[in-house]
Amino acid sequence: MKNIIIALSVVLSFAFPSFAFADKAACETKAVSHDGKPLYGAAKDASIKKCMGDAKPDDCEAKAVSKDGKPLYGAAKAASIKKCEGGK
């Protein structure tokens, strides 16, 4: 039983990074301009970053502050986090 668990953990450790590469590859194929030409440089990087949704919930919670720098609470905090994450 112990060997099966070890084997599964090894297999899964190699499987998860491949999912990240698949997402990035899919985002790279979507990085095209409005007229269908592929993007290059900073525009391509920005498009891939937006596609992959690099906004982390921890970062969004840290940014949920009012104009005077105080942390938000309740519905205002939820709305701020939702806006930061891109409305997912």
N, C-alpha and C. Protein backbone atom coordinates (compact mmCIF):
# COMPACT_ATOMS: atom_id res chain seq x y z
N MET A 1 0.82 -1.18 0.00
CA MET A 1 0.00 0.00 0.00
C MET A 1 0.87 1.26 0.00
N LYS A 2 1.93 1.20 0.80
CA LYS A 2 2.82 2.35 0.89
C LYS A 2 3.50 2.62 -0.45
N ASN A 3 3.87 1.56 -1.17
CA ASN A 3 4.51 1.72 -2.48
C ASN A 3 3.56 2.35 -3.49
N ILE A 4 2.27 2.00 -3.41
CA ILE A 4 1.29 2.57 -4.33
C ILE A 4 1.16 4.08 -4.10
N ILE A 5 1.12 4.49 -2.85
CA ILE A 5 1.01 5.91 -2.52
C ILE A 5 2.24 6.67 -3.00
N ILE A 6 3.39 6.11 -2.81
CA ILE A 6 4.63 6.75 -3.27
C ILE A 6 4.63 6.85 -4.78
N ALA A 7 4.22 5.80 -5.46
CA ALA A 7 4.20 5.81 -6.92
C ALA A 7 3.21 6.85 -7.43
N LEU A 8 2.04 6.94 -6.82
CA LEU A 8 1.05 7.95 -7.23
C LEU A 8 1.55 9.37 -6.99
N SER A 9 2.22 9.59 -5.88
CA SER A 9 2.72 10.94 -5.61
C SER A 9 3.80 11.34 -6.61
N VAL A 10 4.63 10.40 -7.03
CA VAL A 10 5.66 10.69 -8.03
C VAL A 10 5.01 11.01 -9.38
N VAL A 11 4.03 10.21 -9.76
CA VAL A 11 3.35 10.43 -11.03
C VAL A 11 2.64 11.78 -11.04
N LEU A 12 1.95 12.10 -9.95
CA LEU A 12 1.23 13.37 -9.89
C LEU A 12 2.16 14.57 -9.85
N SER A 13 3.33 14.42 -9.26
CA SER A 13 4.27 15.54 -9.22
C SER A 13 4.77 15.89 -10.61
N PHE A 14 4.83 14.90 -11.50
CA PHE A 14 5.23 15.18 -12.87
C PHE A 14 4.05 15.61 -13.73
N ALA A 15 2.85 15.28 -13.32
CA ALA A 15 1.66 15.59 -14.12
C ALA A 15 1.25 17.05 -13.99
N PHE A 16 1.34 17.62 -12.81
CA PHE A 16 0.85 18.98 -12.61
C PHE A 16 1.62 20.05 -13.37
N PRO A 17 2.94 20.01 -13.48
CA PRO A 17 3.60 21.03 -14.29
C PRO A 17 3.18 20.98 -15.76
N SER A 18 2.82 19.81 -16.26
CA SER A 18 2.40 19.73 -17.66
C SER A 18 1.09 20.47 -17.88
N PHE A 19 0.23 20.54 -16.86
CA PHE A 19 -1.00 21.32 -17.00
C PHE A 19 -0.68 22.80 -17.13
N ALA A 20 0.30 23.28 -16.39
CA ALA A 20 0.68 24.69 -16.49
C ALA A 20 1.22 25.02 -17.86
N PHE A 21 2.02 24.11 -18.44
CA PHE A 21 2.53 24.34 -19.79
C PHE A 21 1.42 24.32 -20.82
N ALA A 22 0.44 23.46 -20.62
CA ALA A 22 -0.68 23.38 -21.56
C ALA A 22 -1.47 24.68 -21.54
N ASP A 23 -1.66 25.27 -20.37
CA ASP A 23 -2.37 26.53 -20.28
C ASP A 23 -1.59 27.64 -20.96
N LYS A 24 -0.29 27.68 -20.75
CA LYS A 24 0.51 28.72 -21.36
C LYS A 24 0.54 28.56 -22.88
N ALA A 25 0.61 27.33 -23.35
CA ALA A 25 0.61 27.10 -24.79
C ALA A 25 -0.72 27.52 -25.41
N ALA A 26 -1.81 27.24 -24.71
CA ALA A 26 -3.12 27.66 -25.21
C ALA A 26 -3.22 29.18 -25.23
N CYS A 27 -2.66 29.84 -24.23
CA CYS A 27 -2.70 31.30 -24.19
C CYS A 27 -1.80 31.90 -25.28
N GLU A 28 -0.69 31.23 -25.58
CA GLU A 28 0.19 31.74 -26.64
C GLU A 28 -0.50 31.68 -28.00
N THR A 29 -1.32 30.67 -28.22
CA THR A 29 -2.03 30.60 -29.50
C THR A 29 -3.12 31.66 -29.59
N LYS A 30 -3.62 32.12 -28.45
CA LYS A 30 -4.66 33.15 -28.45
C LYS A 30 -4.07 34.56 -28.53
N ALA A 31 -2.76 34.71 -28.44
CA ALA A 31 -2.11 36.02 -28.44
C ALA A 31 -1.99 36.55 -29.87
N VAL A 32 -3.10 37.04 -30.39
CA VAL A 32 -3.13 37.60 -31.74
C VAL A 32 -3.78 38.98 -31.68
N SER A 33 -3.45 39.82 -32.67
CA SER A 33 -4.03 41.16 -32.72
C SER A 33 -5.44 41.08 -33.28
N HIS A 34 -6.09 42.24 -33.37
CA HIS A 34 -7.47 42.29 -33.85
C HIS A 34 -7.59 41.84 -35.31
N ASP A 35 -6.52 42.04 -36.07
CA ASP A 35 -6.57 41.63 -37.48
C ASP A 35 -6.04 40.21 -37.70
N GLY A 36 -5.78 39.47 -36.62
CA GLY A 36 -5.40 38.07 -36.73
C GLY A 36 -3.92 37.79 -36.80
N LYS A 37 -3.08 38.84 -36.74
CA LYS A 37 -1.64 38.63 -36.80
C LYS A 37 -1.10 38.33 -35.40
N PRO A 38 -0.08 37.48 -35.28
CA PRO A 38 0.46 37.17 -33.95
C PRO A 38 1.12 38.38 -33.29
N LEU A 39 1.00 38.44 -31.97
CA LEU A 39 1.61 39.52 -31.21
C LEU A 39 3.06 39.16 -30.87
N TYR A 40 3.88 40.19 -30.65
CA TYR A 40 5.28 39.99 -30.30
C TYR A 40 5.64 40.90 -29.13
N GLY A 41 6.69 40.53 -28.42
CA GLY A 41 7.25 41.36 -27.37
C GLY A 41 6.33 41.56 -26.19
N ALA A 42 6.27 42.82 -25.73
CA ALA A 42 5.50 43.15 -24.53
C ALA A 42 4.01 42.92 -24.72
N ALA A 43 3.51 43.15 -25.93
CA ALA A 43 2.09 42.94 -26.19
C ALA A 43 1.73 41.45 -26.03
N LYS A 44 2.62 40.58 -26.51
CA LYS A 44 2.38 39.14 -26.38
C LYS A 44 2.44 38.73 -24.91
N ASP A 45 3.43 39.25 -24.18
CA ASP A 45 3.55 38.92 -22.77
C ASP A 45 2.32 39.36 -21.98
N ALA A 46 1.83 40.56 -22.27
CA ALA A 46 0.64 41.07 -21.58
C ALA A 46 -0.58 40.23 -21.90
N SER A 47 -0.70 39.82 -23.15
CA SER A 47 -1.85 39.00 -23.55
C SER A 47 -1.81 37.64 -22.86
N ILE A 48 -0.64 37.03 -22.78
CA ILE A 48 -0.50 35.73 -22.11
C ILE A 48 -0.78 35.87 -20.63
N LYS A 49 -0.28 36.93 -20.01
CA LYS A 49 -0.50 37.15 -18.58
C LYS A 49 -1.98 37.33 -18.29
N LYS A 50 -2.67 38.08 -19.14
CA LYS A 50 -4.10 38.29 -18.95
C LYS A 50 -4.86 36.99 -19.15
N CYS A 51 -4.47 36.22 -20.14
CA CYS A 51 -5.12 34.94 -20.44
C CYS A 51 -4.97 33.96 -19.28
N MET A 52 -3.79 33.89 -18.71
CA MET A 52 -3.52 32.93 -17.64
C MET A 52 -4.10 33.38 -16.31
N GLY A 53 -4.49 34.64 -16.20
CA GLY A 53 -5.10 35.12 -14.97
C GLY A 53 -4.13 35.13 -13.82
N ASP A 54 -3.02 35.83 -13.98
CA ASP A 54 -1.98 35.83 -12.97
C ASP A 54 -2.34 36.60 -11.70
N ALA A 55 -3.49 37.24 -11.66
CA ALA A 55 -3.89 37.94 -10.45
C ALA A 55 -4.20 36.91 -9.37
N LYS A 56 -3.41 36.89 -8.34
CA LYS A 56 -3.58 35.93 -7.26
C LYS A 56 -4.55 36.50 -6.23
N PRO A 57 -5.38 35.66 -5.60
CA PRO A 57 -6.32 36.16 -4.60
C PRO A 57 -5.63 36.89 -3.45
N ASP A 58 -4.43 36.44 -3.06
CA ASP A 58 -3.72 37.12 -1.97
C ASP A 58 -3.37 38.55 -2.36
N ASP A 59 -2.93 38.74 -3.61
CA ASP A 59 -2.60 40.07 -4.07
C ASP A 59 -3.84 40.95 -4.10
N CYS A 60 -4.94 40.40 -4.54
CA CYS A 60 -6.18 41.16 -4.64
C CYS A 60 -6.70 41.54 -3.25
N GLU A 61 -6.55 40.66 -2.29
CA GLU A 61 -6.99 40.99 -0.93
C GLU A 61 -6.12 42.11 -0.35
N ALA A 62 -4.84 42.11 -0.67
CA ALA A 62 -3.96 43.15 -0.17
C ALA A 62 -4.30 44.50 -0.81
N LYS A 63 -4.80 44.48 -2.03
CA LYS A 63 -5.16 45.71 -2.74
C LYS A 63 -6.54 46.23 -2.36
N ALA A 64 -7.32 45.50 -1.61
CA ALA A 64 -8.67 45.89 -1.22
C ALA A 64 -8.62 46.88 -0.07
N VAL A 65 -8.25 48.12 -0.38
CA VAL A 65 -8.18 49.18 0.61
C VAL A 65 -8.95 50.39 0.11
N SER A 66 -9.40 51.22 1.05
CA SER A 66 -10.14 52.42 0.69
C SER A 66 -9.17 53.51 0.23
N LYS A 67 -9.73 54.66 -0.17
CA LYS A 67 -8.89 55.76 -0.66
C LYS A 67 -7.93 56.27 0.41
N ASP A 68 -8.34 56.17 1.67
CA ASP A 68 -7.47 56.65 2.75
C ASP A 68 -6.55 55.56 3.29
N GLY A 69 -6.52 54.38 2.64
CA GLY A 69 -5.57 53.34 3.00
C GLY A 69 -6.05 52.33 4.02
N LYS A 70 -7.31 52.44 4.43
CA LYS A 70 -7.85 51.50 5.41
C LYS A 70 -8.40 50.27 4.69
N PRO A 71 -8.29 49.08 5.29
CA PRO A 71 -8.79 47.86 4.63
C PRO A 71 -10.31 47.90 4.47
N LEU A 72 -10.79 47.35 3.37
CA LEU A 72 -12.23 47.28 3.11
C LEU A 72 -12.81 46.04 3.78
N TYR A 73 -14.12 46.08 4.06
CA TYR A 73 -14.82 44.97 4.68
C TYR A 73 -16.13 44.72 3.95
N GLY A 74 -16.65 43.52 4.09
CA GLY A 74 -17.98 43.19 3.58
C GLY A 74 -18.10 43.23 2.07
N ALA A 75 -19.22 43.83 1.61
CA ALA A 75 -19.53 43.86 0.19
C ALA A 75 -18.52 44.69 -0.60
N ALA A 76 -18.00 45.75 0.00
CA ALA A 76 -17.00 46.57 -0.69
C ALA A 76 -15.73 45.78 -0.95
N LYS A 77 -15.32 44.99 0.03
CA LYS A 77 -14.13 44.15 -0.13
C LYS A 77 -14.37 43.09 -1.21
N ALA A 78 -15.53 42.46 -1.17
CA ALA A 78 -15.86 41.42 -2.15
C ALA A 78 -15.88 42.00 -3.56
N ALA A 79 -16.45 43.18 -3.73
CA ALA A 79 -16.50 43.82 -5.04
C ALA A 79 -15.11 44.19 -5.53
N SER A 80 -14.28 44.68 -4.63
CA SER A 80 -12.91 45.05 -5.00
C SER A 80 -12.11 43.83 -5.43
N ILE A 81 -12.24 42.73 -4.71
CA ILE A 81 -11.52 41.50 -5.05
C ILE A 81 -12.01 40.95 -6.38
N LYS A 82 -13.32 40.97 -6.59
CA LYS A 82 -13.90 40.47 -7.83
C LYS A 82 -13.39 41.30 -9.03
N LYS A 83 -13.34 42.60 -8.86
CA LYS A 83 -12.83 43.48 -9.92
C LYS A 83 -11.35 43.20 -10.19
N CYS A 84 -10.58 43.01 -9.13
CA CYS A 84 -9.14 42.75 -9.26
C CYS A 84 -8.88 41.44 -9.99
N GLU A 85 -9.68 40.41 -9.69
CA GLU A 85 -9.48 39.10 -10.32
C GLU A 85 -10.04 39.03 -11.72
N GLY A 86 -10.68 40.06 -12.16
CA GLY A 86 -11.20 40.08 -13.52
C GLY A 86 -12.62 39.59 -13.63
N GLY A 87 -13.37 39.62 -12.57
CA GLY A 87 -14.78 39.25 -12.60
C GLY A 87 -15.05 37.77 -12.77
N LYS A 88 -14.14 36.93 -12.33
CA LYS A 88 -14.32 35.48 -12.48
C LYS A 88 -15.39 34.97 -11.56
